[in-house]
Amino acid sequence: MKPTPTFCKSDYQFLRELILKSKNATNAKEIGQLSHELDRAVIRKESELDSSTIRINSHVIIEDVKAKKQMKIQIVLPSFADVKEGKISILAPLSVAIIGFKKDDVVDWELPAGIKTLKIAAVDNSSESAS
């Protein structure tokens, strides 16, 4: 069974506003999926959020379980996205798949390349994380 995403209130409200502003965007499917994830999410105070929970600006190492390949990314706002630097928009399919989950969670998600089983290997939320 898929784990339940967890968000702090400020991230939750910010993502809701981002969804509203992006209503007519080309990535409508991802926006719908993000909205669904927010609908089923647990909302916590920032002080109660697990430090390994993936948030906006988190540095994450994810593993494609079947391919046994790891990838290091940072989840960022759409305006800061830069694939060459590993900065993935919060509205990209991969970010939507893992936002709100935490280290060691395993999620199945439909990505452009098909359904992938992703394991969250590491999460770094320190603002001065090495890129």
N, C-alpha and C. Protein backbone atom coordinates (compact mmCIF):
# COMPACT_ATOMS: atom_id res chain seq x y z
N MET A 1 0.84 -1.20 0.00
CA MET A 1 0.00 0.00 0.00
C MET A 1 0.88 1.25 0.00
N LYS A 2 0.41 2.24 -0.68
CA LYS A 2 1.16 3.49 -0.81
C LYS A 2 1.17 4.25 0.51
N PRO A 3 2.34 4.73 0.94
CA PRO A 3 2.37 5.52 2.18
C PRO A 3 1.59 6.82 2.02
N THR A 4 1.24 7.42 3.14
CA THR A 4 0.49 8.68 3.13
C THR A 4 1.47 9.84 3.19
N PRO A 5 1.34 10.81 2.26
CA PRO A 5 2.26 11.95 2.30
C PRO A 5 1.97 12.85 3.50
N THR A 6 3.01 13.52 3.97
CA THR A 6 2.90 14.42 5.11
C THR A 6 3.49 15.77 4.71
N PHE A 7 2.78 16.84 5.05
CA PHE A 7 3.24 18.19 4.73
C PHE A 7 3.12 19.07 5.95
N CYS A 8 3.99 20.08 6.05
CA CYS A 8 3.76 21.11 7.06
C CYS A 8 2.72 22.06 6.46
N LYS A 9 2.06 22.80 7.32
CA LYS A 9 0.97 23.65 6.88
C LYS A 9 1.40 24.67 5.82
N SER A 10 2.59 25.28 6.00
CA SER A 10 3.02 26.31 5.06
C SER A 10 3.26 25.73 3.66
N ASP A 11 3.91 24.54 3.58
CA ASP A 11 4.12 23.90 2.27
C ASP A 11 2.79 23.51 1.65
N TYR A 12 1.90 22.97 2.47
CA TYR A 12 0.58 22.56 1.99
C TYR A 12 -0.15 23.76 1.37
N GLN A 13 -0.22 24.87 2.09
CA GLN A 13 -0.92 26.05 1.59
C GLN A 13 -0.23 26.61 0.34
N PHE A 14 1.09 26.62 0.34
CA PHE A 14 1.83 27.11 -0.82
C PHE A 14 1.53 26.26 -2.05
N LEU A 15 1.54 24.93 -1.89
CA LEU A 15 1.27 24.04 -3.03
C LEU A 15 -0.17 24.17 -3.52
N ARG A 16 -1.11 24.37 -2.61
CA ARG A 16 -2.50 24.61 -3.02
C ARG A 16 -2.59 25.87 -3.89
N GLU A 17 -1.90 26.93 -3.47
CA GLU A 17 -1.91 28.18 -4.25
C GLU A 17 -1.24 27.97 -5.61
N LEU A 18 -0.14 27.22 -5.62
CA LEU A 18 0.56 26.94 -6.87
C LEU A 18 -0.36 26.17 -7.84
N ILE A 19 -1.13 25.24 -7.31
CA ILE A 19 -2.08 24.47 -8.14
C ILE A 19 -3.11 25.42 -8.74
N LEU A 20 -3.65 26.32 -7.94
CA LEU A 20 -4.66 27.27 -8.43
C LEU A 20 -4.09 28.16 -9.53
N LYS A 21 -2.84 28.63 -9.35
CA LYS A 21 -2.21 29.49 -10.34
C LYS A 21 -1.85 28.74 -11.62
N SER A 22 -1.73 27.42 -11.53
CA SER A 22 -1.29 26.62 -12.67
C SER A 22 -2.44 25.90 -13.36
N LYS A 23 -3.66 26.30 -13.10
CA LYS A 23 -4.84 25.59 -13.62
C LYS A 23 -4.80 25.32 -15.12
N ASN A 24 -4.35 26.26 -15.91
CA ASN A 24 -4.35 26.09 -17.36
C ASN A 24 -2.99 25.67 -17.92
N ALA A 25 -2.16 25.15 -17.06
CA ALA A 25 -0.80 24.78 -17.48
C ALA A 25 -0.82 23.52 -18.34
N THR A 26 0.28 23.31 -19.04
CA THR A 26 0.40 22.13 -19.91
C THR A 26 0.56 20.85 -19.11
N ASN A 27 0.96 20.95 -17.85
CA ASN A 27 1.14 19.76 -17.03
C ASN A 27 -0.07 19.50 -16.14
N ALA A 28 -1.26 19.54 -16.73
CA ALA A 28 -2.51 19.39 -15.99
C ALA A 28 -2.59 18.05 -15.26
N LYS A 29 -2.05 17.00 -15.88
CA LYS A 29 -2.08 15.68 -15.24
C LYS A 29 -1.32 15.70 -13.91
N GLU A 30 -0.11 16.27 -13.92
CA GLU A 30 0.69 16.33 -12.71
C GLU A 30 0.03 17.22 -11.65
N ILE A 31 -0.58 18.30 -12.09
CA ILE A 31 -1.26 19.20 -11.15
C ILE A 31 -2.43 18.45 -10.50
N GLY A 32 -3.15 17.67 -11.28
CA GLY A 32 -4.24 16.85 -10.74
C GLY A 32 -3.73 15.82 -9.74
N GLN A 33 -2.60 15.19 -10.07
CA GLN A 33 -2.02 14.20 -9.16
C GLN A 33 -1.53 14.85 -7.87
N LEU A 34 -0.90 16.02 -7.99
CA LEU A 34 -0.44 16.73 -6.79
C LEU A 34 -1.63 17.11 -5.92
N SER A 35 -2.70 17.58 -6.54
CA SER A 35 -3.90 17.94 -5.80
C SER A 35 -4.46 16.72 -5.05
N HIS A 36 -4.47 15.58 -5.72
CA HIS A 36 -4.94 14.33 -5.09
C HIS A 36 -4.06 13.96 -3.90
N GLU A 37 -2.74 14.09 -4.06
CA GLU A 37 -1.82 13.78 -2.95
C GLU A 37 -2.06 14.72 -1.77
N LEU A 38 -2.32 16.00 -2.06
CA LEU A 38 -2.62 16.95 -0.99
C LEU A 38 -3.93 16.61 -0.30
N ASP A 39 -4.91 16.12 -1.10
CA ASP A 39 -6.22 15.74 -0.53
C ASP A 39 -6.08 14.64 0.52
N ARG A 40 -5.15 13.71 0.28
CA ARG A 40 -5.02 12.57 1.21
C ARG A 40 -3.89 12.73 2.23
N ALA A 41 -3.26 13.90 2.21
CA ALA A 41 -2.08 14.14 3.06
C ALA A 41 -2.44 14.37 4.52
N VAL A 42 -1.46 14.11 5.37
CA VAL A 42 -1.52 14.47 6.78
C VAL A 42 -0.80 15.81 6.92
N ILE A 43 -1.42 16.76 7.60
CA ILE A 43 -0.82 18.09 7.78
C ILE A 43 -0.32 18.20 9.22
N ARG A 44 0.94 18.58 9.38
CA ARG A 44 1.54 18.70 10.71
C ARG A 44 2.13 20.10 10.88
N LYS A 45 2.36 20.46 12.13
CA LYS A 45 3.10 21.69 12.39
C LYS A 45 4.53 21.46 11.93
N GLU A 46 5.18 22.52 11.52
CA GLU A 46 6.56 22.40 11.03
C GLU A 46 7.46 21.74 12.07
N SER A 47 7.26 22.06 13.33
CA SER A 47 8.10 21.50 14.40
C SER A 47 7.86 20.01 14.60
N GLU A 48 6.72 19.49 14.13
CA GLU A 48 6.39 18.07 14.29
C GLU A 48 6.74 17.25 13.05
N LEU A 49 7.18 17.90 11.99
CA LEU A 49 7.47 17.20 10.73
C LEU A 49 8.77 16.42 10.85
N ASP A 50 8.75 15.19 10.42
CA ASP A 50 9.95 14.35 10.43
C ASP A 50 11.02 15.03 9.56
N SER A 51 12.25 15.08 10.05
CA SER A 51 13.31 15.78 9.31
C SER A 51 13.67 15.09 8.00
N SER A 52 13.23 13.85 7.81
CA SER A 52 13.52 13.15 6.55
C SER A 52 12.34 13.21 5.58
N THR A 53 11.37 14.09 5.84
CA THR A 53 10.23 14.25 4.94
C THR A 53 10.62 15.15 3.77
N ILE A 54 10.26 14.74 2.57
CA ILE A 54 10.61 15.50 1.36
C ILE A 54 9.70 16.72 1.26
N ARG A 55 10.34 17.88 1.12
CA ARG A 55 9.65 19.16 1.04
C ARG A 55 10.18 19.94 -0.15
N ILE A 56 9.64 21.13 -0.36
CA ILE A 56 10.18 22.02 -1.38
C ILE A 56 11.61 22.35 -0.95
N ASN A 57 12.54 22.28 -1.89
CA ASN A 57 13.98 22.52 -1.71
C ASN A 57 14.75 21.35 -1.09
N SER A 58 14.08 20.23 -0.82
CA SER A 58 14.79 19.05 -0.30
C SER A 58 15.76 18.51 -1.34
N HIS A 59 16.90 18.03 -0.86
CA HIS A 59 17.84 17.27 -1.68
C HIS A 59 17.52 15.80 -1.41
N VAL A 60 17.29 15.04 -2.47
CA VAL A 60 16.80 13.67 -2.31
C VAL A 60 17.62 12.71 -3.17
N ILE A 61 17.89 11.54 -2.61
CA ILE A 61 18.45 10.45 -3.42
C ILE A 61 17.35 9.41 -3.53
N ILE A 62 16.93 9.15 -4.77
CA ILE A 62 15.91 8.14 -5.00
C ILE A 62 16.50 7.00 -5.79
N GLU A 63 15.94 5.83 -5.57
CA GLU A 63 16.42 4.64 -6.26
C GLU A 63 15.27 4.03 -7.05
N ASP A 64 15.53 3.78 -8.33
CA ASP A 64 14.61 3.01 -9.15
C ASP A 64 14.84 1.57 -8.74
N VAL A 65 13.88 0.97 -8.04
CA VAL A 65 14.07 -0.34 -7.43
C VAL A 65 14.39 -1.41 -8.47
N LYS A 66 13.67 -1.42 -9.59
CA LYS A 66 13.91 -2.45 -10.61
C LYS A 66 15.25 -2.28 -11.31
N ALA A 67 15.57 -1.05 -11.69
CA ALA A 67 16.82 -0.79 -12.42
C ALA A 67 18.03 -0.72 -11.49
N LYS A 68 17.77 -0.62 -10.19
CA LYS A 68 18.84 -0.48 -9.19
C LYS A 68 19.75 0.71 -9.49
N LYS A 69 19.13 1.80 -9.94
CA LYS A 69 19.88 3.03 -10.23
C LYS A 69 19.43 4.11 -9.27
N GLN A 70 20.41 4.88 -8.78
CA GLN A 70 20.10 5.99 -7.90
C GLN A 70 20.25 7.32 -8.63
N MET A 71 19.47 8.27 -8.20
CA MET A 71 19.52 9.60 -8.80
C MET A 71 19.40 10.62 -7.67
N LYS A 72 20.23 11.66 -7.74
CA LYS A 72 20.19 12.73 -6.75
C LYS A 72 19.51 13.93 -7.39
N ILE A 73 18.47 14.42 -6.72
CA ILE A 73 17.75 15.58 -7.24
C ILE A 73 17.47 16.57 -6.10
N GLN A 74 17.08 17.76 -6.50
CA GLN A 74 16.55 18.74 -5.54
C GLN A 74 15.19 19.16 -6.08
N ILE A 75 14.19 19.17 -5.21
CA ILE A 75 12.85 19.61 -5.61
C ILE A 75 12.77 21.12 -5.43
N VAL A 76 12.44 21.83 -6.50
CA VAL A 76 12.45 23.29 -6.47
C VAL A 76 11.16 23.85 -7.08
N LEU A 77 10.97 25.13 -6.91
CA LEU A 77 9.85 25.82 -7.55
C LEU A 77 10.07 25.81 -9.06
N PRO A 78 8.98 25.83 -9.84
CA PRO A 78 9.13 25.75 -11.30
C PRO A 78 10.13 26.74 -11.89
N SER A 79 10.18 27.95 -11.37
CA SER A 79 11.07 28.97 -11.93
C SER A 79 12.55 28.68 -11.67
N PHE A 80 12.87 27.77 -10.73
CA PHE A 80 14.25 27.43 -10.42
C PHE A 80 14.68 26.10 -11.02
N ALA A 81 13.78 25.43 -11.73
CA ALA A 81 14.08 24.11 -12.28
C ALA A 81 15.23 24.19 -13.29
N ASP A 82 16.15 23.23 -13.19
CA ASP A 82 17.28 23.12 -14.12
C ASP A 82 17.74 21.66 -14.09
N VAL A 83 17.29 20.90 -15.07
CA VAL A 83 17.55 19.46 -15.08
C VAL A 83 19.05 19.16 -15.06
N LYS A 84 19.85 19.97 -15.75
CA LYS A 84 21.30 19.73 -15.78
C LYS A 84 21.92 19.80 -14.39
N GLU A 85 21.33 20.64 -13.53
CA GLU A 85 21.82 20.77 -12.15
C GLU A 85 21.09 19.84 -11.19
N GLY A 86 20.18 19.01 -11.71
CA GLY A 86 19.42 18.09 -10.86
C GLY A 86 18.31 18.77 -10.10
N LYS A 87 17.94 19.98 -10.53
CA LYS A 87 16.87 20.73 -9.87
C LYS A 87 15.57 20.47 -10.63
N ILE A 88 14.66 19.75 -9.98
CA ILE A 88 13.43 19.29 -10.62
C ILE A 88 12.25 20.09 -10.09
N SER A 89 11.42 20.59 -10.99
CA SER A 89 10.23 21.37 -10.61
C SER A 89 9.30 20.54 -9.74
N ILE A 90 8.71 21.19 -8.75
CA ILE A 90 7.72 20.55 -7.90
C ILE A 90 6.53 20.03 -8.72
N LEU A 91 6.33 20.59 -9.92
CA LEU A 91 5.22 20.15 -10.76
C LEU A 91 5.62 19.06 -11.76
N ALA A 92 6.87 18.62 -11.73
CA ALA A 92 7.32 17.53 -12.61
C ALA A 92 6.82 16.20 -12.05
N PRO A 93 6.58 15.21 -12.94
CA PRO A 93 6.06 13.91 -12.47
C PRO A 93 6.87 13.29 -11.33
N LEU A 94 8.19 13.35 -11.41
CA LEU A 94 9.03 12.73 -10.39
C LEU A 94 8.85 13.41 -9.03
N SER A 95 8.78 14.74 -9.03
CA SER A 95 8.59 15.47 -7.77
C SER A 95 7.24 15.17 -7.16
N VAL A 96 6.20 15.18 -8.00
CA VAL A 96 4.85 14.88 -7.52
C VAL A 96 4.82 13.48 -6.90
N ALA A 97 5.60 12.57 -7.48
CA ALA A 97 5.62 11.18 -7.00
C ALA A 97 6.17 11.06 -5.58
N ILE A 98 7.11 11.94 -5.20
CA ILE A 98 7.81 11.73 -3.91
C ILE A 98 7.60 12.82 -2.87
N ILE A 99 7.04 13.97 -3.24
CA ILE A 99 6.87 15.06 -2.27
C ILE A 99 5.98 14.58 -1.11
N GLY A 100 6.38 14.91 0.09
CA GLY A 100 5.58 14.54 1.26
C GLY A 100 5.91 13.18 1.85
N PHE A 101 6.71 12.39 1.12
CA PHE A 101 7.12 11.10 1.65
C PHE A 101 8.46 11.25 2.36
N LYS A 102 8.96 10.17 2.98
CA LYS A 102 10.20 10.30 3.74
C LYS A 102 11.15 9.16 3.45
N LYS A 103 12.35 9.29 4.00
CA LYS A 103 13.41 8.30 3.80
C LYS A 103 12.86 6.89 4.07
N ASP A 104 13.23 5.97 3.19
CA ASP A 104 12.85 4.55 3.24
C ASP A 104 11.44 4.26 2.76
N ASP A 105 10.64 5.27 2.43
CA ASP A 105 9.33 5.01 1.82
C ASP A 105 9.55 4.47 0.41
N VAL A 106 8.65 3.60 -0.02
CA VAL A 106 8.67 3.06 -1.38
C VAL A 106 7.34 3.40 -2.01
N VAL A 107 7.39 4.03 -3.21
CA VAL A 107 6.17 4.43 -3.89
C VAL A 107 6.18 3.93 -5.33
N ASP A 108 5.02 3.50 -5.79
CA ASP A 108 4.83 3.17 -7.21
C ASP A 108 4.20 4.39 -7.84
N TRP A 109 4.74 4.82 -8.97
CA TRP A 109 4.22 6.03 -9.58
C TRP A 109 4.31 5.93 -11.09
N GLU A 110 3.29 6.46 -11.74
CA GLU A 110 3.29 6.48 -13.21
C GLU A 110 4.08 7.69 -13.69
N LEU A 111 5.21 7.40 -14.32
CA LEU A 111 6.05 8.43 -14.90
C LEU A 111 5.97 8.29 -16.42
N PRO A 112 6.49 9.27 -17.18
CA PRO A 112 6.42 9.16 -18.64
C PRO A 112 7.01 7.84 -19.17
N ALA A 113 7.98 7.26 -18.47
CA ALA A 113 8.61 6.01 -18.93
C ALA A 113 7.86 4.77 -18.44
N GLY A 114 6.71 4.96 -17.80
CA GLY A 114 5.94 3.82 -17.30
C GLY A 114 5.89 3.84 -15.77
N ILE A 115 5.27 2.82 -15.20
CA ILE A 115 5.15 2.76 -13.74
C ILE A 115 6.48 2.34 -13.14
N LYS A 116 6.95 3.15 -12.22
CA LYS A 116 8.25 2.91 -11.57
C LYS A 116 8.03 2.70 -10.08
N THR A 117 8.82 1.83 -9.50
CA THR A 117 8.85 1.68 -8.05
C THR A 117 10.07 2.45 -7.56
N LEU A 118 9.82 3.47 -6.77
CA LEU A 118 10.88 4.36 -6.30
C LEU A 118 11.06 4.22 -4.80
N LYS A 119 12.31 4.06 -4.37
CA LYS A 119 12.62 4.03 -2.95
C LYS A 119 13.37 5.31 -2.61
N ILE A 120 12.94 5.96 -1.55
CA ILE A 120 13.61 7.18 -1.12
C ILE A 120 14.78 6.77 -0.24
N ALA A 121 15.98 6.92 -0.77
CA ALA A 121 17.19 6.44 -0.10
C ALA A 121 17.73 7.45 0.91
N ALA A 122 17.61 8.73 0.62
CA ALA A 122 18.13 9.76 1.53
C ALA A 122 17.40 11.07 1.29
N VAL A 123 17.25 11.85 2.36
CA VAL A 123 16.63 13.18 2.27
C VAL A 123 17.46 14.13 3.11
N ASP A 124 17.80 15.28 2.51
CA ASP A 124 18.55 16.31 3.23
C ASP A 124 17.76 17.60 3.12
N ASN A 125 17.31 18.09 4.26
CA ASN A 125 16.55 19.34 4.29
C ASN A 125 17.35 20.51 4.80
N SER A 126 18.66 20.34 5.00
CA SER A 126 19.43 21.48 5.47
C SER A 126 19.56 22.49 4.32
N SER A 127 19.34 23.72 4.62
CA SER A 127 19.29 24.75 3.57
C SER A 127 20.65 24.97 2.91
N GLU A 128 21.72 24.57 3.57
CA GLU A 128 23.05 24.77 2.99
C GLU A 128 23.61 23.48 2.44
N SER A 129 22.72 22.59 2.01
CA SER A 129 23.16 21.28 1.52
C SER A 129 24.07 21.43 0.30
N ALA A 130 25.07 20.61 0.23
CA ALA A 130 25.98 20.63 -0.93
C ALA A 130 25.24 20.15 -2.15
N SER A 131 25.40 20.84 -3.28
CA SER A 131 24.69 20.41 -4.47
C SER A 131 25.55 19.57 -5.36
